[in-house]
Amino acid sequence: MAAGNAIERSHKNISEIANSMLGESHFPYVLFLEGSNFLTETISIVRPDGRVVVLEYNSGTLNRLDRLTATNYGLPINTNLCKNRFIHHKDKTIMLQAASIYTQGNGERWSPVQMFNIMLEIARTPMQMMYSDLFYQLQKQ
């Protein structure tokens, strides 16, 4: 099974948005994945003819999740990664802008309510960070 153009496109989109947000300490980019290419558990599908097909989540010929976790530096999926990570190495500091990748894991579709709740959590993160920065500045005065 060939990997689709959507994965390549997502990498390009994430890079473009990340470049425009280099001056920020948050990166509210979210990917919602669904379908058999993004399993995190083994599932069984009953075909119309009655045969049962087992889809293994760790099958290299089926699963494409590893191609997307490169965009979040291998950090956990189904996790809010909106707050940038800062890595210190010798005399340098490197900022990691990781996309928050969410998958159903069982091939099911996302409900609008599930997606809304995740996006609301992601949207609250930069607001909490800005409130914290503002509080810190007020305390210094």
N, C-alpha and C. Protein backbone atom coordinates (compact mmCIF):
# COMPACT_ATOMS: atom_id res chain seq x y z
N MET A 1 0.85 -1.17 0.00
CA MET A 1 0.00 0.00 0.00
C MET A 1 0.90 1.24 0.00
N ALA A 2 0.69 2.10 -0.93
CA ALA A 2 1.50 3.31 -1.03
C ALA A 2 0.99 4.36 -0.06
N ALA A 3 1.92 5.07 0.56
CA ALA A 3 1.54 6.17 1.46
C ALA A 3 1.02 7.31 0.61
N GLY A 4 -0.02 7.95 1.08
CA GLY A 4 -0.68 8.99 0.30
C GLY A 4 0.02 10.33 0.36
N ASN A 5 -0.41 11.20 -0.52
CA ASN A 5 0.12 12.54 -0.59
C ASN A 5 -0.28 13.37 0.63
N ALA A 6 -1.32 12.97 1.34
CA ALA A 6 -1.78 13.74 2.51
C ALA A 6 -0.70 13.81 3.59
N ILE A 7 0.08 12.76 3.73
CA ILE A 7 1.14 12.76 4.75
C ILE A 7 2.21 13.77 4.37
N GLU A 8 2.63 13.74 3.12
CA GLU A 8 3.63 14.71 2.65
C GLU A 8 3.11 16.13 2.79
N ARG A 9 1.86 16.33 2.43
CA ARG A 9 1.25 17.66 2.51
C ARG A 9 1.19 18.14 3.96
N SER A 10 0.90 17.24 4.89
CA SER A 10 0.83 17.64 6.30
C SER A 10 2.19 18.12 6.79
N HIS A 11 3.27 17.45 6.37
CA HIS A 11 4.62 17.89 6.76
C HIS A 11 4.88 19.30 6.25
N LYS A 12 4.52 19.56 5.01
CA LYS A 12 4.74 20.90 4.44
C LYS A 12 3.91 21.95 5.17
N ASN A 13 2.65 21.63 5.45
CA ASN A 13 1.79 22.58 6.16
C ASN A 13 2.32 22.89 7.55
N ILE A 14 2.74 21.86 8.25
CA ILE A 14 3.27 22.05 9.61
C ILE A 14 4.51 22.93 9.56
N SER A 15 5.40 22.68 8.60
CA SER A 15 6.62 23.50 8.48
C SER A 15 6.29 24.95 8.19
N GLU A 16 5.34 25.19 7.31
CA GLU A 16 4.96 26.57 6.98
C GLU A 16 4.40 27.31 8.19
N ILE A 17 3.50 26.67 8.91
CA ILE A 17 2.91 27.31 10.09
C ILE A 17 3.97 27.49 11.18
N ALA A 18 4.82 26.49 11.36
CA ALA A 18 5.88 26.59 12.37
C ALA A 18 6.80 27.77 12.07
N ASN A 19 7.15 27.95 10.81
CA ASN A 19 8.01 29.09 10.44
C ASN A 19 7.36 30.41 10.78
N SER A 20 6.06 30.50 10.60
CA SER A 20 5.38 31.76 10.89
C SER A 20 5.19 31.99 12.39
N MET A 21 5.44 30.96 13.20
CA MET A 21 5.25 31.08 14.64
C MET A 21 6.56 30.95 15.42
N LEU A 22 7.67 31.22 14.78
CA LEU A 22 8.96 31.10 15.46
C LEU A 22 9.10 32.04 16.65
N GLY A 23 8.40 33.15 16.64
CA GLY A 23 8.48 34.10 17.74
C GLY A 23 7.55 33.78 18.90
N GLU A 24 6.82 32.70 18.80
CA GLU A 24 5.86 32.32 19.85
C GLU A 24 6.40 31.15 20.67
N SER A 25 5.89 30.99 21.86
CA SER A 25 6.30 29.86 22.70
C SER A 25 5.26 28.75 22.69
N HIS A 26 4.33 28.84 21.75
CA HIS A 26 3.31 27.80 21.59
C HIS A 26 3.12 27.50 20.11
N PHE A 27 2.60 26.32 19.84
CA PHE A 27 2.37 25.88 18.47
C PHE A 27 1.07 25.08 18.45
N PRO A 28 -0.05 25.74 18.21
CA PRO A 28 -1.36 25.08 18.32
C PRO A 28 -1.80 24.34 17.06
N TYR A 29 -0.94 23.52 16.51
CA TYR A 29 -1.26 22.77 15.30
C TYR A 29 -1.74 21.38 15.69
N VAL A 30 -2.91 21.00 15.20
CA VAL A 30 -3.50 19.71 15.56
C VAL A 30 -3.79 18.91 14.30
N LEU A 31 -3.44 17.63 14.33
CA LEU A 31 -3.80 16.70 13.26
C LEU A 31 -4.75 15.66 13.84
N PHE A 32 -5.87 15.46 13.18
CA PHE A 32 -6.80 14.40 13.55
C PHE A 32 -6.68 13.30 12.51
N LEU A 33 -6.34 12.10 12.95
CA LEU A 33 -6.16 10.97 12.05
C LEU A 33 -7.24 9.93 12.31
N GLU A 34 -7.69 9.32 11.23
CA GLU A 34 -8.63 8.22 11.37
C GLU A 34 -8.41 7.25 10.23
N GLY A 35 -8.86 6.04 10.40
CA GLY A 35 -8.74 5.04 9.35
C GLY A 35 -7.70 3.99 9.67
N SER A 36 -7.63 2.99 8.81
CA SER A 36 -6.78 1.83 9.06
C SER A 36 -5.29 2.12 8.95
N ASN A 37 -4.90 3.23 8.37
CA ASN A 37 -3.48 3.57 8.28
C ASN A 37 -2.93 4.16 9.57
N PHE A 38 -3.79 4.43 10.54
CA PHE A 38 -3.35 5.10 11.76
C PHE A 38 -3.83 4.36 13.01
N LEU A 39 -3.72 3.05 12.98
CA LEU A 39 -4.16 2.23 14.11
C LEU A 39 -3.13 2.24 15.23
N THR A 40 -3.63 2.16 16.45
CA THR A 40 -2.76 1.95 17.62
C THR A 40 -3.16 0.68 18.35
N GLU A 41 -4.11 -0.05 17.78
CA GLU A 41 -4.54 -1.34 18.32
C GLU A 41 -4.96 -2.23 17.15
N THR A 42 -4.86 -3.53 17.34
CA THR A 42 -5.26 -4.48 16.31
C THR A 42 -6.79 -4.58 16.29
N ILE A 43 -7.36 -4.54 15.08
CA ILE A 43 -8.82 -4.61 14.95
C ILE A 43 -9.19 -5.70 13.95
N SER A 44 -10.43 -6.14 14.02
CA SER A 44 -10.98 -7.10 13.07
C SER A 44 -12.11 -6.45 12.31
N ILE A 45 -12.11 -6.64 11.00
CA ILE A 45 -13.14 -6.09 10.13
C ILE A 45 -13.90 -7.25 9.49
N VAL A 46 -15.22 -7.17 9.51
CA VAL A 46 -16.03 -8.18 8.84
C VAL A 46 -16.38 -7.66 7.45
N ARG A 47 -15.93 -8.38 6.43
CA ARG A 47 -16.18 -7.98 5.05
C ARG A 47 -17.63 -8.31 4.67
N PRO A 48 -18.14 -7.71 3.60
CA PRO A 48 -19.51 -7.99 3.16
C PRO A 48 -19.79 -9.47 2.90
N ASP A 49 -18.75 -10.21 2.50
CA ASP A 49 -18.95 -11.65 2.24
C ASP A 49 -18.85 -12.49 3.51
N GLY A 50 -18.67 -11.84 4.66
CA GLY A 50 -18.63 -12.55 5.94
C GLY A 50 -17.24 -12.90 6.44
N ARG A 51 -16.24 -12.77 5.59
CA ARG A 51 -14.87 -13.06 6.03
C ARG A 51 -14.41 -12.00 7.03
N VAL A 52 -13.61 -12.44 7.97
CA VAL A 52 -13.04 -11.53 8.97
C VAL A 52 -11.59 -11.25 8.59
N VAL A 53 -11.26 -9.98 8.51
CA VAL A 53 -9.90 -9.56 8.20
C VAL A 53 -9.32 -8.90 9.44
N VAL A 54 -8.17 -9.36 9.87
CA VAL A 54 -7.49 -8.78 11.02
C VAL A 54 -6.48 -7.75 10.53
N LEU A 55 -6.59 -6.55 11.06
CA LEU A 55 -5.65 -5.48 10.72
C LEU A 55 -4.73 -5.27 11.92
N GLU A 56 -3.47 -5.57 11.73
CA GLU A 56 -2.48 -5.44 12.80
C GLU A 56 -1.97 -4.01 12.85
N TYR A 57 -2.03 -3.41 14.02
CA TYR A 57 -1.60 -2.01 14.16
C TYR A 57 -0.11 -1.83 13.89
N ASN A 58 0.68 -2.87 14.09
CA ASN A 58 2.13 -2.75 13.90
C ASN A 58 2.60 -3.28 12.55
N SER A 59 1.69 -3.40 11.61
CA SER A 59 2.05 -3.86 10.27
C SER A 59 2.69 -2.72 9.48
N GLY A 60 3.92 -2.93 9.07
CA GLY A 60 4.62 -1.90 8.30
C GLY A 60 4.02 -1.65 6.93
N THR A 61 3.26 -2.60 6.41
CA THR A 61 2.65 -2.41 5.09
C THR A 61 1.34 -1.63 5.18
N LEU A 62 0.82 -1.46 6.38
CA LEU A 62 -0.47 -0.78 6.55
C LEU A 62 -0.35 0.52 7.32
N ASN A 63 0.36 0.48 8.44
CA ASN A 63 0.36 1.62 9.35
C ASN A 63 1.30 2.73 8.87
N ARG A 64 0.79 3.94 8.86
CA ARG A 64 1.57 5.10 8.43
C ARG A 64 1.79 6.10 9.57
N LEU A 65 1.44 5.72 10.78
CA LEU A 65 1.55 6.62 11.92
C LEU A 65 2.98 7.11 12.13
N ASP A 66 3.95 6.22 11.91
CA ASP A 66 5.35 6.60 12.10
C ASP A 66 5.78 7.71 11.16
N ARG A 67 5.15 7.82 10.02
CA ARG A 67 5.52 8.88 9.07
C ARG A 67 5.05 10.25 9.55
N LEU A 68 4.05 10.26 10.40
CA LEU A 68 3.55 11.54 10.92
C LEU A 68 4.18 11.90 12.26
N THR A 69 4.58 10.91 13.04
CA THR A 69 5.18 11.25 14.33
C THR A 69 6.54 11.92 14.16
N ALA A 70 7.09 11.90 12.97
CA ALA A 70 8.31 12.66 12.71
C ALA A 70 8.04 14.16 12.87
N THR A 71 6.80 14.59 12.64
CA THR A 71 6.48 16.01 12.77
C THR A 71 6.36 16.45 14.21
N ASN A 72 6.27 15.50 15.14
CA ASN A 72 6.22 15.89 16.55
C ASN A 72 7.39 15.31 17.33
N TYR A 73 8.48 15.03 16.62
CA TYR A 73 9.74 14.60 17.22
C TYR A 73 9.60 13.30 18.02
N GLY A 74 8.63 12.47 17.66
CA GLY A 74 8.43 11.21 18.36
C GLY A 74 7.79 11.35 19.73
N LEU A 75 7.26 12.53 20.02
CA LEU A 75 6.57 12.73 21.30
C LEU A 75 5.25 11.97 21.28
N PRO A 76 4.62 11.79 22.42
CA PRO A 76 3.40 10.98 22.48
C PRO A 76 2.28 11.52 21.60
N ILE A 77 1.49 10.60 21.06
CA ILE A 77 0.29 11.00 20.32
C ILE A 77 -0.87 11.08 21.31
N ASN A 78 -1.97 11.65 20.85
CA ASN A 78 -3.16 11.86 21.68
C ASN A 78 -2.81 12.67 22.93
N THR A 79 -1.92 13.65 22.73
CA THR A 79 -1.43 14.50 23.81
C THR A 79 -1.36 15.94 23.31
N ASN A 80 -1.75 16.87 24.16
CA ASN A 80 -1.65 18.29 23.83
C ASN A 80 -0.18 18.70 23.89
N LEU A 81 0.41 18.98 22.75
CA LEU A 81 1.82 19.38 22.66
C LEU A 81 1.96 20.84 22.26
N CYS A 82 0.95 21.63 22.54
CA CYS A 82 0.91 23.02 22.10
C CYS A 82 2.06 23.85 22.68
N LYS A 83 2.45 23.56 23.90
CA LYS A 83 3.53 24.32 24.54
C LYS A 83 4.87 23.84 23.98
N ASN A 84 5.64 24.77 23.41
CA ASN A 84 6.92 24.41 22.80
C ASN A 84 7.89 23.86 23.84
N ARG A 85 8.75 22.96 23.40
CA ARG A 85 9.80 22.40 24.25
C ARG A 85 11.10 23.12 23.92
N PHE A 86 11.91 23.35 24.93
CA PHE A 86 13.21 23.98 24.74
C PHE A 86 14.29 23.00 25.18
N ILE A 87 15.17 22.68 24.25
CA ILE A 87 16.27 21.75 24.50
C ILE A 87 17.55 22.56 24.63
N HIS A 88 18.27 22.33 25.71
CA HIS A 88 19.54 23.03 25.94
C HIS A 88 20.68 22.08 25.65
N HIS A 89 21.57 22.51 24.77
CA HIS A 89 22.74 21.71 24.42
C HIS A 89 23.95 22.62 24.37
N LYS A 90 24.86 22.38 25.28
CA LYS A 90 26.06 23.21 25.41
C LYS A 90 25.65 24.67 25.55
N ASP A 91 26.03 25.51 24.59
CA ASP A 91 25.70 26.93 24.71
C ASP A 91 24.50 27.32 23.83
N LYS A 92 23.75 26.33 23.38
CA LYS A 92 22.62 26.60 22.48
C LYS A 92 21.31 26.17 23.11
N THR A 93 20.25 26.85 22.70
CA THR A 93 18.89 26.46 23.07
C THR A 93 18.12 26.25 21.78
N ILE A 94 17.48 25.10 21.67
CA ILE A 94 16.72 24.75 20.48
C ILE A 94 15.26 24.64 20.86
N MET A 95 14.41 25.31 20.10
CA MET A 95 12.97 25.27 20.36
C MET A 95 12.33 24.23 19.44
N LEU A 96 11.57 23.33 20.03
CA LEU A 96 10.83 22.33 19.27
C LEU A 96 9.37 22.72 19.20
N GLN A 97 8.85 22.86 18.00
CA GLN A 97 7.44 23.13 17.77
C GLN A 97 6.81 21.83 17.30
N ALA A 98 6.13 21.14 18.19
CA ALA A 98 5.58 19.83 17.87
C ALA A 98 4.10 19.91 17.57
N ALA A 99 3.70 19.24 16.50
CA ALA A 99 2.27 19.14 16.19
C ALA A 99 1.62 18.17 17.17
N SER A 100 0.42 18.48 17.59
CA SER A 100 -0.36 17.57 18.44
C SER A 100 -1.11 16.63 17.51
N ILE A 101 -0.79 15.34 17.58
CA ILE A 101 -1.37 14.35 16.68
C ILE A 101 -2.33 13.48 17.47
N TYR A 102 -3.56 13.43 17.00
CA TYR A 102 -4.60 12.63 17.65
C TYR A 102 -5.12 11.59 16.67
N THR A 103 -5.23 10.36 17.15
CA THR A 103 -5.79 9.28 16.33
C THR A 103 -6.79 8.51 17.17
N GLN A 104 -7.81 8.00 16.50
CA GLN A 104 -8.78 7.16 17.20
C GLN A 104 -8.14 5.84 17.60
N GLY A 105 -7.20 5.38 16.82
CA GLY A 105 -6.49 4.15 17.15
C GLY A 105 -7.17 2.88 16.70
N ASN A 106 -8.49 2.94 16.54
CA ASN A 106 -9.24 1.75 16.15
C ASN A 106 -9.88 1.89 14.77
N GLY A 107 -9.47 2.91 14.03
CA GLY A 107 -9.97 3.11 12.68
C GLY A 107 -11.30 3.84 12.59
N GLU A 108 -11.91 4.14 13.73
CA GLU A 108 -13.22 4.80 13.74
C GLU A 108 -13.10 6.27 13.36
N ARG A 109 -14.25 6.86 13.05
CA ARG A 109 -14.32 8.28 12.70
C ARG A 109 -14.38 9.11 13.97
N TRP A 110 -13.90 10.35 13.86
CA TRP A 110 -14.01 11.30 14.96
C TRP A 110 -15.41 11.90 14.97
N SER A 111 -15.94 12.11 16.15
CA SER A 111 -17.20 12.84 16.25
C SER A 111 -16.86 14.33 16.36
N PRO A 112 -17.74 15.20 15.88
CA PRO A 112 -17.48 16.63 16.01
C PRO A 112 -17.27 17.07 17.46
N VAL A 113 -17.97 16.44 18.40
CA VAL A 113 -17.83 16.80 19.81
C VAL A 113 -16.43 16.44 20.32
N GLN A 114 -15.93 15.27 19.95
CA GLN A 114 -14.58 14.87 20.36
C GLN A 114 -13.55 15.87 19.83
N MET A 115 -13.67 16.21 18.56
CA MET A 115 -12.72 17.14 17.95
C MET A 115 -12.82 18.52 18.59
N PHE A 116 -14.03 18.97 18.85
CA PHE A 116 -14.22 20.27 19.48
C PHE A 116 -13.54 20.32 20.85
N ASN A 117 -13.73 19.28 21.65
CA ASN A 117 -13.14 19.26 22.99
C ASN A 117 -11.62 19.30 22.95
N ILE A 118 -11.03 18.59 22.01
CA ILE A 118 -9.57 18.61 21.87
C ILE A 118 -9.10 19.98 21.41
N MET A 119 -9.78 20.55 20.42
CA MET A 119 -9.38 21.87 19.92
C MET A 119 -9.55 22.94 20.99
N LEU A 120 -10.57 22.81 21.83
CA LEU A 120 -10.77 23.77 22.92
C LEU A 120 -9.62 23.69 23.91
N GLU A 121 -9.20 22.48 24.24
CA GLU A 121 -8.06 22.31 25.14
C GLU A 121 -6.80 22.92 24.53
N ILE A 122 -6.58 22.67 23.25
CA ILE A 122 -5.41 23.23 22.56
C ILE A 122 -5.48 24.76 22.57
N ALA A 123 -6.65 25.32 22.32
CA ALA A 123 -6.81 26.78 22.28
C ALA A 123 -6.59 27.41 23.65
N ARG A 124 -6.91 26.71 24.69
CA ARG A 124 -6.73 27.25 26.05
C ARG A 124 -5.26 27.30 26.46
N THR A 125 -4.45 26.44 25.90
CA THR A 125 -3.04 26.35 26.30
C THR A 125 -2.29 27.66 26.08
N PRO A 126 -2.31 28.29 24.89
CA PRO A 126 -1.59 29.55 24.75
C PRO A 126 -2.17 30.66 25.62
N MET A 127 -3.47 30.60 25.86
CA MET A 127 -4.07 31.61 26.74
C MET A 127 -3.54 31.46 28.16
N GLN A 128 -3.42 30.23 28.65
CA GLN A 128 -2.86 30.00 29.98
C GLN A 128 -1.40 30.45 30.03
N MET A 129 -0.67 30.22 28.96
CA MET A 129 0.73 30.63 28.91
C MET A 129 0.84 32.15 28.95
N MET A 130 -0.02 32.84 28.20
CA MET A 130 0.01 34.30 28.20
C MET A 130 -0.40 34.87 29.55
N TYR A 131 -1.40 34.27 30.19
CA TYR A 131 -1.79 34.71 31.53
C TYR A 131 -0.64 34.54 32.51
N SER A 132 0.06 33.43 32.41
CA SER A 132 1.20 33.17 33.29
C SER A 132 2.30 34.21 33.07
N ASP A 133 2.59 34.52 31.80
CA ASP A 133 3.60 35.55 31.50
C ASP A 133 3.18 36.91 32.04
N LEU A 134 1.92 37.25 31.87
CA LEU A 134 1.41 38.53 32.36
C LEU A 134 1.49 38.60 33.88
N PHE A 135 1.11 37.52 34.56
CA PHE A 135 1.18 37.47 36.02
C PHE A 135 2.62 37.65 36.49
N TYR A 136 3.56 36.98 35.81
CA TYR A 136 4.97 37.10 36.16
C TYR A 136 5.45 38.54 36.00
N GLN A 137 5.05 39.20 34.91
CA GLN A 137 5.45 40.59 34.69
C GLN A 137 4.87 41.51 35.75
N LEU A 138 3.63 41.27 36.14
CA LEU A 138 3.00 42.10 37.18
C LEU A 138 3.67 41.89 38.53
N GLN A 139 4.12 40.69 38.81
CA GLN A 139 4.79 40.40 40.08
C GLN A 139 6.14 41.10 40.17
N LYS A 140 6.79 41.30 39.03
CA LYS A 140 8.11 41.93 39.00
C LYS A 140 8.03 43.43 39.27
N GLN A 141 6.87 44.02 39.08
CA GLN A 141 6.74 45.47 39.25
C GLN A 141 6.64 45.87 40.70
